[in-house]
């Protein structure tokens, strides 16, 4: 049975990927920067591992004896560590995956990052470049933004005394499921 490592397994996308991979008959090693919760530990057929893309802790063990990596972890969360997580972390993960002889490296990216000058998008683009320059077989999937982005954006605006919504923004969102 093919074993797949999913980084960011507790994130918006990772939470959707893990059960679908199990249903498709894959063995799953789910990786997160947080230790597995008691609920997650009880999930049969999922091996939970803790990794830190910034420090590199746990990466060698996480990629050991897996055939493929789906890299869905991102530095877009509250810590906003895009450079450390998305660029340096991806480079560390690639190095460990190369040493482990991973057969396929999948990366989830974002449509339009090459045309939008935000630092997070520049970091995602740099991560793509690192993957493309690696010796590993790779696939990069650029998806449109998830619904959760608009939720986060509107939630931030709702804190103001008056809710001002820009009418010029255009979104083509996708459900992470």
N, C-alpha and C. Protein backbone atom coordinates (compact mmCIF):
# COMPACT_ATOMS: atom_id res chain seq x y z
N UNK A 1 0.85 -1.17 0.00
CA UNK A 1 0.00 0.00 0.00
C UNK A 1 0.90 1.24 0.00
N UNK A 2 0.59 2.18 -0.86
CA UNK A 2 1.35 3.42 -0.97
C UNK A 2 1.10 4.30 0.25
N UNK A 3 2.19 4.75 0.87
CA UNK A 3 2.07 5.65 2.02
C UNK A 3 2.39 7.07 1.57
N UNK A 4 1.51 8.00 1.94
CA UNK A 4 1.65 9.40 1.56
C UNK A 4 1.76 10.25 2.82
N UNK A 5 2.75 11.15 2.81
CA UNK A 5 2.88 12.14 3.87
C UNK A 5 2.11 13.39 3.46
N UNK A 6 1.26 13.87 4.36
CA UNK A 6 0.52 15.12 4.14
C UNK A 6 1.01 16.14 5.16
N UNK A 7 1.73 17.17 4.69
CA UNK A 7 2.11 18.25 5.60
C UNK A 7 0.93 19.20 5.71
N UNK A 8 0.81 19.85 6.85
CA UNK A 8 -0.34 20.74 7.05
C UNK A 8 -1.63 19.96 7.18
N UNK A 9 -1.54 18.76 7.76
CA UNK A 9 -2.69 17.86 7.81
C UNK A 9 -3.85 18.38 8.65
N UNK A 10 -3.60 19.37 9.50
CA UNK A 10 -4.70 19.92 10.31
C UNK A 10 -5.20 21.25 9.76
N UNK A 11 -4.66 21.70 8.64
CA UNK A 11 -5.07 22.96 8.03
C UNK A 11 -6.34 22.82 7.21
N UNK A 12 -6.72 23.90 6.56
CA UNK A 12 -7.95 23.92 5.77
C UNK A 12 -7.96 22.81 4.72
N UNK A 13 -6.88 22.67 3.99
CA UNK A 13 -6.82 21.65 2.94
C UNK A 13 -6.48 20.28 3.50
N UNK A 14 -5.51 20.22 4.39
CA UNK A 14 -5.07 18.93 4.94
C UNK A 14 -6.20 18.16 5.59
N UNK A 15 -7.08 18.85 6.31
CA UNK A 15 -8.23 18.19 6.96
C UNK A 15 -9.14 17.52 5.93
N UNK A 16 -9.15 18.05 4.72
CA UNK A 16 -9.97 17.47 3.66
C UNK A 16 -9.24 16.33 2.95
N UNK A 17 -7.93 16.47 2.81
CA UNK A 17 -7.14 15.49 2.08
C UNK A 17 -7.02 14.15 2.80
N UNK A 18 -6.76 14.19 4.09
CA UNK A 18 -6.48 12.96 4.83
C UNK A 18 -7.60 11.93 4.69
N UNK A 19 -8.86 12.26 4.97
CA UNK A 19 -9.90 11.23 4.82
C UNK A 19 -10.09 10.78 3.37
N UNK A 20 -9.89 11.66 2.42
CA UNK A 20 -10.05 11.27 1.02
C UNK A 20 -8.95 10.31 0.58
N UNK A 21 -7.75 10.54 1.05
CA UNK A 21 -6.66 9.62 0.74
C UNK A 21 -6.91 8.24 1.35
N UNK A 22 -7.41 8.23 2.58
CA UNK A 22 -7.75 6.96 3.23
C UNK A 22 -8.83 6.22 2.44
N UNK A 23 -9.87 6.96 2.03
CA UNK A 23 -10.95 6.35 1.25
C UNK A 23 -10.45 5.78 -0.07
N UNK A 24 -9.42 6.41 -0.63
CA UNK A 24 -8.86 5.95 -1.90
C UNK A 24 -7.91 4.77 -1.72
N UNK A 25 -7.67 4.36 -0.47
CA UNK A 25 -6.86 3.18 -0.22
C UNK A 25 -5.39 3.45 0.07
N UNK A 26 -5.03 4.69 0.32
CA UNK A 26 -3.64 5.02 0.65
C UNK A 26 -3.42 4.93 2.15
N UNK A 27 -2.20 4.63 2.54
CA UNK A 27 -1.79 4.77 3.93
C UNK A 27 -1.38 6.23 4.10
N UNK A 28 -1.74 6.84 5.21
CA UNK A 28 -1.49 8.27 5.40
C UNK A 28 -0.66 8.51 6.65
N UNK A 29 0.38 9.30 6.47
CA UNK A 29 1.13 9.85 7.59
C UNK A 29 0.79 11.35 7.58
N UNK A 30 0.13 11.79 8.62
CA UNK A 30 -0.33 13.17 8.71
C UNK A 30 0.64 13.97 9.57
N UNK A 31 1.13 15.08 9.02
CA UNK A 31 2.11 15.90 9.73
C UNK A 31 1.55 17.27 10.05
N UNK A 32 1.86 17.73 11.25
CA UNK A 32 1.43 19.05 11.71
C UNK A 32 2.49 19.60 12.64
N UNK A 33 2.51 20.91 12.81
CA UNK A 33 3.48 21.49 13.74
C UNK A 33 3.04 21.28 15.19
N UNK A 34 1.77 20.98 15.39
CA UNK A 34 1.25 20.72 16.73
C UNK A 34 1.25 19.22 17.00
N UNK A 35 1.42 18.81 18.26
CA UNK A 35 1.30 17.38 18.56
C UNK A 35 -0.12 16.89 18.28
N UNK A 36 -0.23 15.63 17.98
CA UNK A 36 -1.55 15.06 17.68
C UNK A 36 -2.46 15.17 18.90
N UNK A 37 -3.71 15.52 18.65
CA UNK A 37 -4.70 15.60 19.73
C UNK A 37 -5.12 14.18 20.12
N UNK A 38 -5.78 14.06 21.24
CA UNK A 38 -6.26 12.74 21.67
C UNK A 38 -7.21 12.15 20.62
N UNK A 39 -8.04 13.01 20.02
CA UNK A 39 -8.97 12.55 18.99
C UNK A 39 -8.19 12.03 17.77
N UNK A 40 -7.17 12.77 17.37
CA UNK A 40 -6.39 12.35 16.21
C UNK A 40 -5.64 11.05 16.49
N UNK A 41 -5.14 10.90 17.71
CA UNK A 41 -4.42 9.67 18.06
C UNK A 41 -5.32 8.45 17.94
N UNK A 42 -6.62 8.65 18.11
CA UNK A 42 -7.57 7.53 18.05
C UNK A 42 -8.03 7.24 16.63
N UNK A 43 -7.61 8.08 15.67
CA UNK A 43 -8.02 7.88 14.28
C UNK A 43 -7.27 6.68 13.72
N UNK A 44 -7.99 5.61 13.43
CA UNK A 44 -7.30 4.44 12.89
C UNK A 44 -6.77 4.73 11.48
N UNK A 45 -5.73 4.07 11.13
CA UNK A 45 -5.15 4.14 9.77
C UNK A 45 -4.43 5.45 9.47
N UNK A 46 -4.32 6.34 10.44
CA UNK A 46 -3.56 7.57 10.21
C UNK A 46 -2.44 7.62 11.24
N UNK A 47 -1.23 7.77 10.74
CA UNK A 47 -0.07 7.92 11.60
C UNK A 47 0.22 9.41 11.72
N UNK A 48 0.15 9.93 12.93
CA UNK A 48 0.36 11.36 13.16
C UNK A 48 1.80 11.62 13.57
N UNK A 49 2.43 12.60 12.95
CA UNK A 49 3.79 13.00 13.31
C UNK A 49 3.83 14.52 13.47
N UNK A 50 4.72 14.96 14.34
CA UNK A 50 4.90 16.40 14.56
C UNK A 50 6.15 16.84 13.82
N UNK A 51 6.02 17.91 13.02
CA UNK A 51 7.16 18.46 12.30
C UNK A 51 7.22 19.97 12.53
N UNK A 52 8.37 20.52 12.29
CA UNK A 52 8.53 21.97 12.33
C UNK A 52 9.32 22.35 11.07
N UNK A 53 8.64 22.95 10.11
CA UNK A 53 9.29 23.32 8.86
C UNK A 53 10.33 24.42 9.06
N UNK A 54 10.18 25.24 10.07
CA UNK A 54 11.13 26.32 10.31
C UNK A 54 12.45 25.77 10.83
N UNK A 55 12.39 24.91 11.85
CA UNK A 55 13.62 24.36 12.43
C UNK A 55 14.08 23.09 11.72
N UNK A 56 13.16 22.42 11.03
CA UNK A 56 13.49 21.14 10.39
C UNK A 56 13.24 19.95 11.29
N UNK A 57 12.82 20.19 12.53
CA UNK A 57 12.59 19.09 13.49
C UNK A 57 11.52 18.14 12.97
N UNK A 58 11.83 16.86 13.02
CA UNK A 58 10.88 15.82 12.65
C UNK A 58 10.77 15.52 11.17
N UNK A 59 11.42 16.29 10.31
CA UNK A 59 11.26 16.09 8.87
C UNK A 59 11.84 14.77 8.39
N UNK A 60 13.02 14.40 8.87
CA UNK A 60 13.65 13.15 8.41
C UNK A 60 12.76 11.96 8.74
N UNK A 61 12.24 11.92 9.95
CA UNK A 61 11.35 10.82 10.34
C UNK A 61 10.05 10.87 9.56
N UNK A 62 9.54 12.06 9.28
CA UNK A 62 8.26 12.19 8.58
C UNK A 62 8.33 11.63 7.16
N UNK A 63 9.44 11.83 6.47
CA UNK A 63 9.54 11.37 5.08
C UNK A 63 10.05 9.94 4.96
N UNK A 64 10.48 9.36 6.07
CA UNK A 64 11.00 8.00 6.06
C UNK A 64 9.91 7.00 5.69
N UNK A 65 10.19 6.17 4.71
CA UNK A 65 9.29 5.09 4.28
C UNK A 65 7.95 5.57 3.74
N UNK A 66 7.93 6.74 3.10
CA UNK A 66 6.74 7.16 2.37
C UNK A 66 7.11 7.28 0.89
N UNK A 67 6.14 7.05 0.03
CA UNK A 67 6.39 7.11 -1.41
C UNK A 67 6.14 8.49 -2.00
N UNK A 68 5.28 9.26 -1.36
CA UNK A 68 4.92 10.57 -1.90
C UNK A 68 4.68 11.56 -0.77
N UNK A 69 4.85 12.83 -1.10
CA UNK A 69 4.58 13.92 -0.16
C UNK A 69 3.57 14.86 -0.80
N UNK A 70 2.52 15.18 -0.06
CA UNK A 70 1.62 16.26 -0.45
C UNK A 70 1.90 17.39 0.52
N UNK A 71 2.52 18.43 0.01
CA UNK A 71 2.95 19.56 0.86
C UNK A 71 1.86 20.63 0.87
N UNK A 72 1.03 20.55 1.90
CA UNK A 72 -0.10 21.49 2.03
C UNK A 72 0.09 22.45 3.20
N UNK A 73 1.25 22.39 3.85
CA UNK A 73 1.53 23.31 4.96
C UNK A 73 1.86 24.68 4.40
N UNK A 74 1.56 25.70 5.17
CA UNK A 74 1.79 27.06 4.70
C UNK A 74 2.05 27.99 5.87
N UNK A 75 2.76 29.07 5.59
CA UNK A 75 3.03 30.08 6.61
C UNK A 75 2.03 31.21 6.59
N UNK A 76 0.83 30.96 6.11
CA UNK A 76 -0.16 32.03 5.98
C UNK A 76 -0.98 32.25 7.24
N UNK A 77 -0.77 31.46 8.26
CA UNK A 77 -1.58 31.55 9.46
C UNK A 77 -1.27 32.78 10.29
N UNK A 78 -1.70 32.75 11.54
CA UNK A 78 -1.53 33.91 12.42
C UNK A 78 -0.07 34.34 12.59
N UNK A 79 0.87 33.40 12.48
CA UNK A 79 2.27 33.76 12.70
C UNK A 79 2.87 34.50 11.50
N UNK A 80 2.30 34.33 10.33
CA UNK A 80 2.76 35.01 9.12
C UNK A 80 4.25 34.78 8.86
N UNK A 81 4.66 33.54 8.89
CA UNK A 81 6.05 33.18 8.67
C UNK A 81 6.24 32.65 7.25
N UNK A 82 5.81 33.38 6.27
CA UNK A 82 5.84 32.90 4.88
C UNK A 82 7.24 32.54 4.42
N UNK A 83 8.20 33.40 4.65
CA UNK A 83 9.57 33.12 4.18
C UNK A 83 10.13 31.88 4.87
N UNK A 84 9.95 31.81 6.20
CA UNK A 84 10.53 30.68 6.93
C UNK A 84 9.82 29.37 6.61
N UNK A 85 8.51 29.38 6.54
CA UNK A 85 7.76 28.14 6.33
C UNK A 85 7.69 27.79 4.85
N UNK A 86 7.21 28.72 4.04
CA UNK A 86 6.96 28.40 2.63
C UNK A 86 8.22 28.28 1.80
N UNK A 87 9.25 29.03 2.11
CA UNK A 87 10.47 28.96 1.30
C UNK A 87 11.51 28.07 1.98
N UNK A 88 12.04 28.51 3.11
CA UNK A 88 13.08 27.74 3.79
C UNK A 88 12.56 26.37 4.24
N UNK A 89 11.34 26.34 4.74
CA UNK A 89 10.74 25.07 5.17
C UNK A 89 10.56 24.10 4.02
N UNK A 90 10.11 24.61 2.89
CA UNK A 90 9.96 23.75 1.71
C UNK A 90 11.32 23.24 1.25
N UNK A 91 12.33 24.10 1.29
CA UNK A 91 13.68 23.66 0.90
C UNK A 91 14.18 22.55 1.83
N UNK A 92 13.94 22.68 3.12
CA UNK A 92 14.34 21.63 4.07
C UNK A 92 13.57 20.34 3.82
N UNK A 93 12.28 20.47 3.57
CA UNK A 93 11.46 19.29 3.28
C UNK A 93 11.93 18.61 2.00
N UNK A 94 12.25 19.39 0.97
CA UNK A 94 12.76 18.82 -0.28
C UNK A 94 14.07 18.07 -0.06
N UNK A 95 14.97 18.65 0.74
CA UNK A 95 16.25 18.00 1.00
C UNK A 95 16.04 16.65 1.70
N UNK A 96 15.16 16.63 2.69
CA UNK A 96 14.89 15.37 3.39
C UNK A 96 14.18 14.37 2.48
N UNK A 97 13.27 14.86 1.65
CA UNK A 97 12.55 13.99 0.71
C UNK A 97 13.52 13.38 -0.30
N UNK A 98 14.46 14.18 -0.76
CA UNK A 98 15.47 13.70 -1.70
C UNK A 98 16.30 12.58 -1.05
N UNK A 99 16.74 12.80 0.18
CA UNK A 99 17.53 11.79 0.88
C UNK A 99 16.74 10.51 1.11
N UNK A 100 15.43 10.65 1.32
CA UNK A 100 14.59 9.48 1.58
C UNK A 100 14.16 8.78 0.29
N UNK A 101 14.45 9.38 -0.86
CA UNK A 101 14.08 8.75 -2.14
C UNK A 101 12.60 8.83 -2.45
N UNK A 102 11.96 9.92 -2.09
CA UNK A 102 10.53 10.10 -2.34
C UNK A 102 10.27 10.04 -3.85
N UNK A 103 9.20 9.35 -4.24
CA UNK A 103 8.89 9.16 -5.65
C UNK A 103 8.10 10.29 -6.29
N UNK A 104 7.37 11.08 -5.49
CA UNK A 104 6.57 12.17 -6.05
C UNK A 104 6.34 13.23 -4.98
N UNK A 105 6.51 14.49 -5.36
CA UNK A 105 6.32 15.61 -4.45
C UNK A 105 5.22 16.49 -5.03
N UNK A 106 4.12 16.61 -4.30
CA UNK A 106 2.99 17.44 -4.72
C UNK A 106 2.97 18.71 -3.89
N UNK A 107 2.75 19.84 -4.55
CA UNK A 107 2.70 21.11 -3.84
C UNK A 107 1.42 21.84 -4.22
N UNK A 108 0.73 22.33 -3.21
CA UNK A 108 -0.50 23.08 -3.44
C UNK A 108 -0.16 24.55 -3.38
N UNK A 109 -0.42 25.26 -4.47
CA UNK A 109 -0.10 26.67 -4.56
C UNK A 109 -1.37 27.44 -4.92
N UNK A 110 -1.20 28.65 -5.41
CA UNK A 110 -2.35 29.54 -5.63
C UNK A 110 -2.31 30.15 -7.02
N UNK A 111 -3.44 30.15 -7.69
CA UNK A 111 -3.57 30.78 -9.00
C UNK A 111 -3.22 32.26 -8.89
N UNK A 112 -2.43 32.76 -9.82
CA UNK A 112 -2.15 34.19 -9.92
C UNK A 112 -1.02 34.71 -9.05
N UNK A 113 -0.31 33.83 -8.35
CA UNK A 113 0.73 34.33 -7.45
C UNK A 113 1.87 35.03 -8.20
N UNK A 114 2.00 34.75 -9.48
CA UNK A 114 3.04 35.39 -10.27
C UNK A 114 2.64 36.81 -10.71
N UNK A 115 1.39 37.21 -10.41
CA UNK A 115 0.91 38.53 -10.83
C UNK A 115 0.51 39.44 -9.67
N UNK A 116 0.61 38.93 -8.44
CA UNK A 116 0.18 39.70 -7.28
C UNK A 116 1.39 39.93 -6.39
N UNK A 117 1.70 41.18 -6.06
CA UNK A 117 2.96 41.49 -5.36
C UNK A 117 2.94 41.34 -3.83
N UNK A 118 2.02 40.57 -3.26
CA UNK A 118 1.99 40.39 -1.81
C UNK A 118 3.14 39.48 -1.38
N UNK A 119 3.68 39.70 -0.20
CA UNK A 119 4.83 38.92 0.27
C UNK A 119 4.50 37.43 0.40
N UNK A 120 3.30 37.10 0.83
CA UNK A 120 2.91 35.69 0.95
C UNK A 120 2.95 35.01 -0.42
N UNK A 121 2.45 35.69 -1.44
CA UNK A 121 2.44 35.12 -2.78
C UNK A 121 3.86 35.00 -3.34
N UNK A 122 4.70 35.97 -3.03
CA UNK A 122 6.11 35.89 -3.47
C UNK A 122 6.79 34.69 -2.82
N UNK A 123 6.46 34.43 -1.56
CA UNK A 123 7.03 33.26 -0.87
C UNK A 123 6.55 31.97 -1.52
N UNK A 124 5.26 31.89 -1.84
CA UNK A 124 4.73 30.69 -2.51
C UNK A 124 5.42 30.49 -3.86
N UNK A 125 5.64 31.57 -4.58
CA UNK A 125 6.32 31.50 -5.88
C UNK A 125 7.76 31.02 -5.71
N UNK A 126 8.44 31.49 -4.68
CA UNK A 126 9.81 31.04 -4.41
C UNK A 126 9.83 29.56 -4.03
N UNK A 127 8.82 29.11 -3.31
CA UNK A 127 8.72 27.69 -2.96
C UNK A 127 8.52 26.86 -4.23
N UNK A 128 7.68 27.34 -5.14
CA UNK A 128 7.49 26.65 -6.42
C UNK A 128 8.82 26.52 -7.16
N UNK A 129 9.60 27.60 -7.18
CA UNK A 129 10.89 27.59 -7.87
C UNK A 129 11.83 26.56 -7.25
N UNK A 130 11.84 26.48 -5.92
CA UNK A 130 12.69 25.49 -5.24
C UNK A 130 12.27 24.07 -5.63
N UNK A 131 10.99 23.84 -5.72
CA UNK A 131 10.48 22.51 -6.10
C UNK A 131 10.86 22.20 -7.54
N UNK A 132 10.67 23.16 -8.42
CA UNK A 132 10.99 22.95 -9.84
C UNK A 132 12.48 22.68 -10.04
N UNK A 133 13.33 23.25 -9.20
CA UNK A 133 14.78 23.06 -9.32
C UNK A 133 15.28 21.82 -8.59
N UNK A 134 14.40 21.16 -7.86
CA UNK A 134 14.81 19.97 -7.12
C UNK A 134 14.97 18.79 -8.08
N UNK A 135 15.61 17.75 -7.60
CA UNK A 135 15.79 16.53 -8.39
C UNK A 135 14.60 15.60 -8.29
N UNK A 136 13.60 15.97 -7.54
CA UNK A 136 12.45 15.09 -7.31
C UNK A 136 11.41 15.23 -8.42
N UNK A 137 10.71 14.15 -8.72
CA UNK A 137 9.52 14.29 -9.58
C UNK A 137 8.49 15.11 -8.81
N UNK A 138 7.91 16.11 -9.46
CA UNK A 138 7.02 17.02 -8.74
C UNK A 138 5.79 17.35 -9.57
N UNK A 139 4.77 17.77 -8.83
CA UNK A 139 3.54 18.31 -9.41
C UNK A 139 3.16 19.52 -8.57
N UNK A 140 2.91 20.63 -9.24
CA UNK A 140 2.43 21.83 -8.55
C UNK A 140 1.00 22.09 -9.02
N UNK A 141 0.09 22.15 -8.07
CA UNK A 141 -1.30 22.45 -8.38
C UNK A 141 -1.61 23.84 -7.87
N UNK A 142 -1.94 24.74 -8.79
CA UNK A 142 -2.36 26.08 -8.39
C UNK A 142 -3.89 26.11 -8.35
N UNK A 143 -4.41 26.22 -7.15
CA UNK A 143 -5.85 26.30 -6.96
C UNK A 143 -6.22 27.75 -6.69
N UNK A 144 -7.49 28.08 -6.91
CA UNK A 144 -7.94 29.41 -6.51
C UNK A 144 -8.05 29.44 -4.99
N UNK A 145 -8.19 30.63 -4.43
CA UNK A 145 -8.24 30.78 -2.98
C UNK A 145 -9.44 30.01 -2.41
N UNK A 146 -9.29 29.57 -1.18
CA UNK A 146 -10.35 28.86 -0.49
C UNK A 146 -11.35 29.85 0.11
N UNK A 147 -12.57 29.38 0.33
CA UNK A 147 -13.61 30.21 0.94
C UNK A 147 -13.14 30.82 2.25
N UNK A 148 -12.30 30.10 2.97
CA UNK A 148 -11.84 30.58 4.28
C UNK A 148 -11.10 31.92 4.17
N UNK A 149 -10.48 32.22 3.02
CA UNK A 149 -9.80 33.50 2.85
C UNK A 149 -10.80 34.65 2.95
N UNK A 150 -11.92 34.54 2.24
CA UNK A 150 -12.92 35.59 2.28
C UNK A 150 -13.54 35.70 3.67
N UNK A 151 -13.75 34.56 4.32
CA UNK A 151 -14.27 34.57 5.69
C UNK A 151 -13.33 35.36 6.60
N UNK A 152 -12.02 35.09 6.48
CA UNK A 152 -11.03 35.78 7.31
C UNK A 152 -11.02 37.28 7.00
N UNK A 153 -11.09 37.61 5.73
CA UNK A 153 -11.08 39.01 5.29
C UNK A 153 -12.29 39.75 5.85
N UNK A 154 -13.48 39.19 5.67
CA UNK A 154 -14.70 39.85 6.15
C UNK A 154 -14.76 39.90 7.67
N UNK A 155 -14.26 38.87 8.33
CA UNK A 155 -14.22 38.87 9.79
C UNK A 155 -13.36 40.02 10.29
N UNK A 156 -12.24 40.26 9.62
CA UNK A 156 -11.37 41.38 10.00
C UNK A 156 -12.05 42.72 9.80
N UNK A 157 -12.79 42.86 8.70
CA UNK A 157 -13.51 44.10 8.45
C UNK A 157 -14.65 44.31 9.45
N UNK A 158 -15.24 43.24 9.92
CA UNK A 158 -16.39 43.33 10.82
C UNK A 158 -16.01 43.91 12.18
N UNK A 159 -14.73 43.97 12.49
CA UNK A 159 -14.28 44.54 13.76
C UNK A 159 -14.38 46.06 13.77
N UNK A 160 -14.48 46.66 12.61
CA UNK A 160 -14.57 48.11 12.52
C UNK A 160 -15.97 48.57 12.90
N UNK A 161 -16.12 49.81 13.34
CA UNK A 161 -17.46 50.29 13.71
C UNK A 161 -18.41 50.35 12.51
N UNK A 162 -17.86 50.52 11.33
CA UNK A 162 -18.66 50.53 10.10
C UNK A 162 -18.05 49.49 9.17
N UNK A 163 -18.88 48.69 8.57
CA UNK A 163 -18.37 47.64 7.68
C UNK A 163 -18.24 48.19 6.27
N UNK A 164 -17.00 48.49 5.90
CA UNK A 164 -16.72 48.97 4.55
C UNK A 164 -16.20 47.79 3.74
N UNK A 165 -16.88 47.48 2.67
CA UNK A 165 -16.48 46.35 1.83
C UNK A 165 -16.05 46.90 0.48
N UNK A 166 -14.79 46.66 0.10
CA UNK A 166 -14.33 47.13 -1.21
C UNK A 166 -15.12 46.45 -2.32
N UNK A 167 -15.61 47.23 -3.26
CA UNK A 167 -16.40 46.65 -4.35
C UNK A 167 -15.54 46.27 -5.54
N UNK A 168 -14.28 46.66 -5.54
CA UNK A 168 -13.42 46.36 -6.69
C UNK A 168 -12.72 45.01 -6.58
N UNK A 169 -12.77 44.38 -5.40
CA UNK A 169 -12.11 43.08 -5.25
C UNK A 169 -12.89 42.03 -6.01
N UNK A 170 -12.14 41.15 -6.65
CA UNK A 170 -12.77 40.03 -7.35
C UNK A 170 -12.21 38.74 -6.79
N UNK A 171 -13.08 37.80 -6.48
CA UNK A 171 -12.68 36.52 -5.93
C UNK A 171 -13.30 35.41 -6.76
N UNK A 172 -12.56 34.36 -6.97
CA UNK A 172 -13.09 33.15 -7.56
C UNK A 172 -12.67 32.04 -6.63
N UNK A 173 -13.44 31.87 -5.57
CA UNK A 173 -13.10 31.00 -4.48
C UNK A 173 -13.47 29.54 -4.77
N UNK A 174 -12.82 28.66 -4.04
CA UNK A 174 -13.10 27.23 -4.15
C UNK A 174 -13.22 26.66 -2.75
N UNK A 175 -14.06 25.68 -2.61
CA UNK A 175 -14.19 24.98 -1.33
C UNK A 175 -12.98 24.06 -1.17
N UNK A 176 -12.33 24.11 -0.04
CA UNK A 176 -11.14 23.28 0.15
C UNK A 176 -11.46 21.79 0.08
N UNK A 177 -12.72 21.44 0.24
CA UNK A 177 -13.11 20.02 0.12
C UNK A 177 -13.13 19.57 -1.31
